[in-house]
Amino acid sequence: SIATSYLSVDKITFTRKMSVADINGTIFYTNSNTYSVSSGQPAFTNIPTITVPPGLVDGSTITIAANIYSPAYRTTTLTCFINGVSTASLSYTPEVSRWGSSSNTVTIKSGDVISFALSPPGYLGGGVSTGSVKDITLRGNIVDMPMISIANDPVWPPSI
């Protein structure tokens, strides 16, 4: 691992495909599909799961981010589960109906299974309202992620 922000070398030869982290960490997973759920419906859970590859440093963290659509003064929530346990929530409650972003950081380890559930917003004036989520991303620091797993598509990152 490299503990400084800068690395100076005369020559680097890459023998495999690899990623380099930017200041906010590398995006390891992106799901640009849009998922929606309406008031009165159960949480929508048909969002692909992600299995963390082997070799990850214990206690590594990732940031889960998404764009969330909510009706005015109603909250749409995306819950993240790790191995079936609710671990983080992303939500958005605007003053006018619109899309907004939300993120949360979680701790992961090799073999963890990450899944999601989209909970609907409440009724709006007695009428049904719909909430949505899109652009779900997982972002982490390259130091926390094993190079071999990053390089070996399609294991990690999975693609949609």
C-alpha atoms as a PDB file:
ATOM      1  CA  SER A   1       0.000   0.000   0.000  1.00  0.00           C
ATOM      2  CA  ILE A   2       1.068   3.569  -0.612  1.00  0.00           C
ATOM      3  CA  ALA A   3       0.565   5.998   2.254  1.00  0.00           C
ATOM      4  CA  THR A   4       1.300   9.240   0.368  1.00  0.00           C
ATOM      5  CA  SER A   5      -0.716  11.237  -2.104  1.00  0.00           C
ATOM      6  CA  TYR A   6       2.062  11.273  -4.699  1.00  0.00           C
ATOM      7  CA  LEU A   7       4.110   8.527  -6.314  1.00  0.00           C
ATOM      8  CA  SER A   8       7.174   9.257  -8.421  1.00  0.00           C
ATOM      9  CA  VAL A   9       8.689   6.501 -10.566  1.00  0.00           C
ATOM     10  CA  ASP A  10      10.867   6.269 -13.664  1.00  0.00           C
ATOM     11  CA  LYS A  11       8.987   3.425 -15.337  1.00  0.00           C
ATOM     12  CA  ILE A  12       5.838   1.381 -14.691  1.00  0.00           C
ATOM     13  CA  THR A  13       4.841  -1.654 -16.709  1.00  0.00           C
ATOM     14  CA  PHE A  14       1.269  -2.893 -16.349  1.00  0.00           C
ATOM     15  CA  THR A  15       0.799  -6.551 -17.135  1.00  0.00           C
ATOM     16  CA  ARG A  16      -2.923  -6.609 -16.295  1.00  0.00           C
ATOM     17  CA  LYS A  17      -5.843  -4.228 -16.480  1.00  0.00           C
ATOM     18  CA  MET A  18      -6.115  -2.204 -13.288  1.00  0.00           C
ATOM     19  CA  SER A  19      -7.885   0.847 -11.910  1.00  0.00           C
ATOM     20  CA  VAL A  20      -6.402   3.906 -10.267  1.00  0.00           C
ATOM     21  CA  ALA A  21      -8.327   5.714  -7.540  1.00  0.00           C
ATOM     22  CA  ASP A  22      -9.235   9.353  -7.886  1.00  0.00           C
ATOM     23  CA  ILE A  23      -9.540  11.627  -4.880  1.00  0.00           C
ATOM     24  CA  ASN A  24     -12.999  10.228  -4.044  1.00  0.00           C
ATOM     25  CA  GLY A  25     -12.087   6.594  -4.647  1.00  0.00           C
ATOM     26  CA  THR A  26     -12.716   4.350  -7.611  1.00  0.00           C
ATOM     27  CA  ILE A  27     -16.226   3.425  -8.684  1.00  0.00           C
ATOM     28  CA  PHE A  28     -16.377  -0.368  -8.521  1.00  0.00           C
ATOM     29  CA  TYR A  29     -20.024  -0.867  -9.384  1.00  0.00           C
ATOM     30  CA  THR A  30     -22.597   1.139 -11.299  1.00  0.00           C
ATOM     31  CA  ASN A  31     -26.222   0.238 -11.916  1.00  0.00           C
ATOM     32  CA  SER A  32     -27.829   2.911 -14.098  1.00  0.00           C
ATOM     33  CA  ASN A  33     -31.234   1.199 -14.281  1.00  0.00           C
ATOM     34  CA  THR A  34     -34.235   2.986 -12.774  1.00  0.00           C
ATOM     35  CA  TYR A  35     -36.385   1.165 -10.190  1.00  0.00           C
ATOM     36  CA  SER A  36     -39.727   2.530  -8.937  1.00  0.00           C
ATOM     37  CA  VAL A  37     -42.259   1.724  -6.218  1.00  0.00           C
ATOM     38  CA  SER A  38     -45.595   3.339  -5.321  1.00  0.00           C
ATOM     39  CA  SER A  39     -47.321   4.087  -2.020  1.00  0.00           C
ATOM     40  CA  GLY A  40     -48.988   1.036  -0.518  1.00  0.00           C
ATOM     41  CA  GLN A  41     -46.700  -1.420  -2.311  1.00  0.00           C
ATOM     42  CA  PRO A  42     -44.131  -3.534  -0.472  1.00  0.00           C
ATOM     43  CA  ALA A  43     -40.500  -2.521  -0.753  1.00  0.00           C
ATOM     44  CA  PHE A  44     -39.032  -3.286  -4.195  1.00  0.00           C
ATOM     45  CA  THR A  45     -36.169  -5.794  -3.816  1.00  0.00           C
ATOM     46  CA  ASN A  46     -35.547  -6.941  -7.388  1.00  0.00           C
ATOM     47  CA  ILE A  47     -32.274  -4.994  -7.636  1.00  0.00           C
ATOM     48  CA  PRO A  48     -29.167  -7.082  -8.483  1.00  0.00           C
ATOM     49  CA  THR A  49     -27.019  -8.149  -5.544  1.00  0.00           C
ATOM     50  CA  ILE A  50     -23.251  -7.729  -5.396  1.00  0.00           C
ATOM     51  CA  THR A  51     -20.812 -10.226  -3.860  1.00  0.00           C
ATOM     52  CA  VAL A  52     -17.573  -8.712  -2.547  1.00  0.00           C
ATOM     53  CA  PRO A  53     -14.564 -10.609  -3.984  1.00  0.00           C
ATOM     54  CA  PRO A  54     -11.984 -12.487  -1.906  1.00  0.00           C
ATOM     55  CA  GLY A  55      -8.775 -10.840  -0.738  1.00  0.00           C
ATOM     56  CA  LEU A  56     -10.286  -7.633   0.608  1.00  0.00           C
ATOM     57  CA  VAL A  57      -8.624  -5.975   3.588  1.00  0.00           C
ATOM     58  CA  ASP A  58     -10.846  -6.524   6.678  1.00  0.00           C
ATOM     59  CA  GLY A  59     -12.641  -3.358   7.722  1.00  0.00           C
ATOM     60  CA  SER A  60     -12.553  -1.831   4.234  1.00  0.00           C
ATOM     61  CA  THR A  61     -15.169   0.797   3.548  1.00  0.00           C
ATOM     62  CA  ILE A  62     -17.197   1.732   0.494  1.00  0.00           C
ATOM     63  CA  THR A  63     -19.556   4.586  -0.162  1.00  0.00           C
ATOM     64  CA  ILE A  64     -22.925   3.657  -1.598  1.00  0.00           C
ATOM     65  CA  ALA A  65     -24.544   6.473  -3.561  1.00  0.00           C
ATOM     66  CA  ALA A  66     -27.719   6.804  -5.617  1.00  0.00           C
ATOM     67  CA  ASN A  67     -30.034   9.312  -7.235  1.00  0.00           C
ATOM     68  CA  ILE A  68     -33.466   9.190  -5.617  1.00  0.00           C
ATOM     69  CA  TYR A  69     -36.757  10.630  -6.859  1.00  0.00           C
ATOM     70  CA  SER A  70     -39.320  11.646  -4.246  1.00  0.00           C
ATOM     71  CA  PRO A  71     -42.605  13.512  -4.453  1.00  0.00           C
ATOM     72  CA  ALA A  72     -42.889  16.820  -2.579  1.00  0.00           C
ATOM     73  CA  TYR A  73     -42.549  16.391   1.191  1.00  0.00           C
ATOM     74  CA  ARG A  74     -42.418  12.599   0.889  1.00  0.00           C
ATOM     75  CA  THR A  75     -39.430  10.335   1.475  1.00  0.00           C
ATOM     76  CA  THR A  76     -38.219   7.548  -0.789  1.00  0.00           C
ATOM     77  CA  THR A  77     -35.639   5.294   0.886  1.00  0.00           C
ATOM     78  CA  LEU A  78     -33.073   2.853  -0.507  1.00  0.00           C
ATOM     79  CA  THR A  79     -31.923   0.449   2.205  1.00  0.00           C
ATOM     80  CA  CYS A  80     -28.621  -1.410   1.842  1.00  0.00           C
ATOM     81  CA  PHE A  81     -28.356  -4.878   3.346  1.00  0.00           C
ATOM     82  CA  ILE A  82     -25.080  -6.682   3.948  1.00  0.00           C
ATOM     83  CA  ASN A  83     -25.572 -10.419   4.361  1.00  0.00           C
ATOM     84  CA  GLY A  84     -29.277  -9.793   4.938  1.00  0.00           C
ATOM     85  CA  VAL A  85     -28.753  -7.237   7.711  1.00  0.00           C
ATOM     86  CA  SER A  86     -29.944  -3.656   7.199  1.00  0.00           C
ATOM     87  CA  THR A  87     -26.728  -1.634   7.255  1.00  0.00           C
ATOM     88  CA  ALA A  88     -27.358   1.773   5.674  1.00  0.00           C
ATOM     89  CA  SER A  89     -30.179   3.902   4.312  1.00  0.00           C
ATOM     90  CA  LEU A  90     -30.173   6.468   1.546  1.00  0.00           C
ATOM     91  CA  SER A  91     -33.181   8.773   1.370  1.00  0.00           C
ATOM     92  CA  TYR A  92     -34.377  12.020  -0.121  1.00  0.00           C
ATOM     93  CA  THR A  93     -37.209  14.348   0.995  1.00  0.00           C
ATOM     94  CA  PRO A  94     -37.580  17.405  -1.274  1.00  0.00           C
ATOM     95  CA  GLU A  95     -39.861  20.442  -0.956  1.00  0.00           C
ATOM     96  CA  VAL A  96     -40.933  19.922  -4.591  1.00  0.00           C
ATOM     97  CA  SER A  97     -41.011  16.649  -6.509  1.00  0.00           C
ATOM     98  CA  ARG A  98     -37.546  16.022  -7.932  1.00  0.00           C
ATOM     99  CA  TRP A  99     -34.422  13.867  -8.099  1.00  0.00           C
ATOM    100  CA  GLY A 100     -31.720  14.256  -5.475  1.00  0.00           C
ATOM    101  CA  SER A 101     -28.599  12.387  -4.429  1.00  0.00           C
ATOM    102  CA  SER A 102     -27.862  10.509  -1.237  1.00  0.00           C
ATOM    103  CA  SER A 103     -24.913   8.469   0.016  1.00  0.00           C
ATOM    104  CA  ASN A 104     -23.737   6.480   2.996  1.00  0.00           C
ATOM    105  CA  THR A 105     -20.506   4.684   3.925  1.00  0.00           C
ATOM    106  CA  VAL A 106     -20.445   1.051   5.057  1.00  0.00           C
ATOM    107  CA  THR A 107     -17.790  -1.416   6.203  1.00  0.00           C
ATOM    108  CA  ILE A 108     -17.414  -4.583   4.132  1.00  0.00           C
ATOM    109  CA  LYS A 109     -15.306  -7.737   4.000  1.00  0.00           C
ATOM    110  CA  SER A 110     -14.620 -10.453   1.444  1.00  0.00           C
ATOM    111  CA  GLY A 111     -17.622 -12.608   0.670  1.00  0.00           C
ATOM    112  CA  ASP A 112     -20.216 -10.087   1.840  1.00  0.00           C
ATOM    113  CA  VAL A 113     -23.403 -10.024  -0.220  1.00  0.00           C
ATOM    114  CA  ILE A 114     -24.793  -6.529  -0.744  1.00  0.00           C
ATOM    115  CA  SER A 115     -28.489  -6.206  -1.576  1.00  0.00           C
ATOM    116  CA  PHE A 116     -31.018  -3.380  -1.722  1.00  0.00           C
ATOM    117  CA  ALA A 117     -34.680  -2.605  -1.011  1.00  0.00           C
ATOM    118  CA  LEU A 118     -36.501   0.488  -2.282  1.00  0.00           C
ATOM    119  CA  SER A 119     -39.239   1.642   0.120  1.00  0.00           C
ATOM    120  CA  PRO A 120     -42.103   3.728  -1.290  1.00  0.00           C
ATOM    121  CA  PRO A 121     -42.949   7.279  -0.289  1.00  0.00           C
ATOM    122  CA  GLY A 122     -46.099   7.932   1.729  1.00  0.00           C
ATOM    123  CA  TYR A 123     -49.431   8.793   0.166  1.00  0.00           C
ATOM    124  CA  LEU A 124     -49.712  12.337  -1.151  1.00  0.00           C
ATOM    125  CA  GLY A 125     -53.012  14.022  -0.234  1.00  0.00           C
ATOM    126  CA  GLY A 126     -54.644  10.595  -0.039  1.00  0.00           C
ATOM    127  CA  GLY A 127     -53.358   9.700  -3.492  1.00  0.00           C
ATOM    128  CA  VAL A 128     -50.694   7.251  -4.512  1.00  0.00           C
ATOM    129  CA  SER A 129     -47.200   8.662  -5.036  1.00  0.00           C
ATOM    130  CA  THR A 130     -44.226   6.985  -6.656  1.00  0.00           C
ATOM    131  CA  GLY A 131     -40.568   7.039  -5.676  1.00  0.00           C
ATOM    132  CA  SER A 132     -37.611   5.887  -7.756  1.00  0.00           C
ATOM    133  CA  VAL A 133     -33.913   5.191  -7.574  1.00  0.00           C
ATOM    134  CA  LYS A 134     -31.246   5.133 -10.301  1.00  0.00           C
ATOM    135  CA  ASP A 135     -27.483   5.334 -10.723  1.00  0.00           C
ATOM    136  CA  ILE A 136     -26.596   3.165  -7.735  1.00  0.00           C
ATOM    137  CA  THR A 137     -22.797   3.204  -7.337  1.00  0.00           C
ATOM    138  CA  LEU A 138     -20.284   1.666  -4.962  1.00  0.00           C
ATOM    139  CA  ARG A 139     -17.085   3.659  -4.546  1.00  0.00           C
ATOM    140  CA  GLY A 140     -14.017   2.700  -2.556  1.00  0.00           C
ATOM    141  CA  ASN A 141     -10.369   3.472  -2.074  1.00  0.00           C
ATOM    142  CA  ILE A 142      -8.099   1.361  -4.256  1.00  0.00           C
ATOM    143  CA  VAL A 143      -5.915   0.539  -1.219  1.00  0.00           C
ATOM    144  CA  ASP A 144      -8.878  -1.345   0.243  1.00  0.00           C
ATOM    145  CA  MET A 145      -9.560  -3.361  -2.912  1.00  0.00           C
ATOM    146  CA  PRO A 146      -7.494  -6.290  -4.214  1.00  0.00           C
ATOM    147  CA  MET A 147      -5.928  -5.622  -7.625  1.00  0.00           C
ATOM    148  CA  ILE A 148      -6.553  -9.153  -8.830  1.00  0.00           C
ATOM    149  CA  SER A 149     -10.281  -8.880  -8.195  1.00  0.00           C
ATOM    150  CA  ILE A 150     -10.507  -5.508  -9.889  1.00  0.00           C
ATOM    151  CA  ALA A 151      -8.663  -6.853 -12.900  1.00  0.00           C
ATOM    152  CA  ASN A 152     -10.646 -10.070 -13.296  1.00  0.00           C
ATOM    153  CA  ASP A 153     -13.860  -8.998 -15.006  1.00  0.00           C
ATOM    154  CA  PRO A 154     -16.711  -9.886 -14.679  1.00  0.00           C
ATOM    155  CA  VAL A 155     -16.287 -10.973 -11.037  1.00  0.00           C
ATOM    156  CA  TRP A 156     -15.608  -7.445  -9.819  1.00  0.00           C
ATOM    157  CA  PRO A 157     -16.918  -5.079 -10.848  1.00  0.00           C
ATOM    158  CA  PRO A 158     -20.136  -6.755 -11.883  1.00  0.00           C
ATOM    159  CA  SER A 159     -21.847  -5.118 -14.820  1.00  0.00           C
ATOM    160  CA  ILE A 160     -25.490  -4.454 -15.526  1.00  0.00           C
END
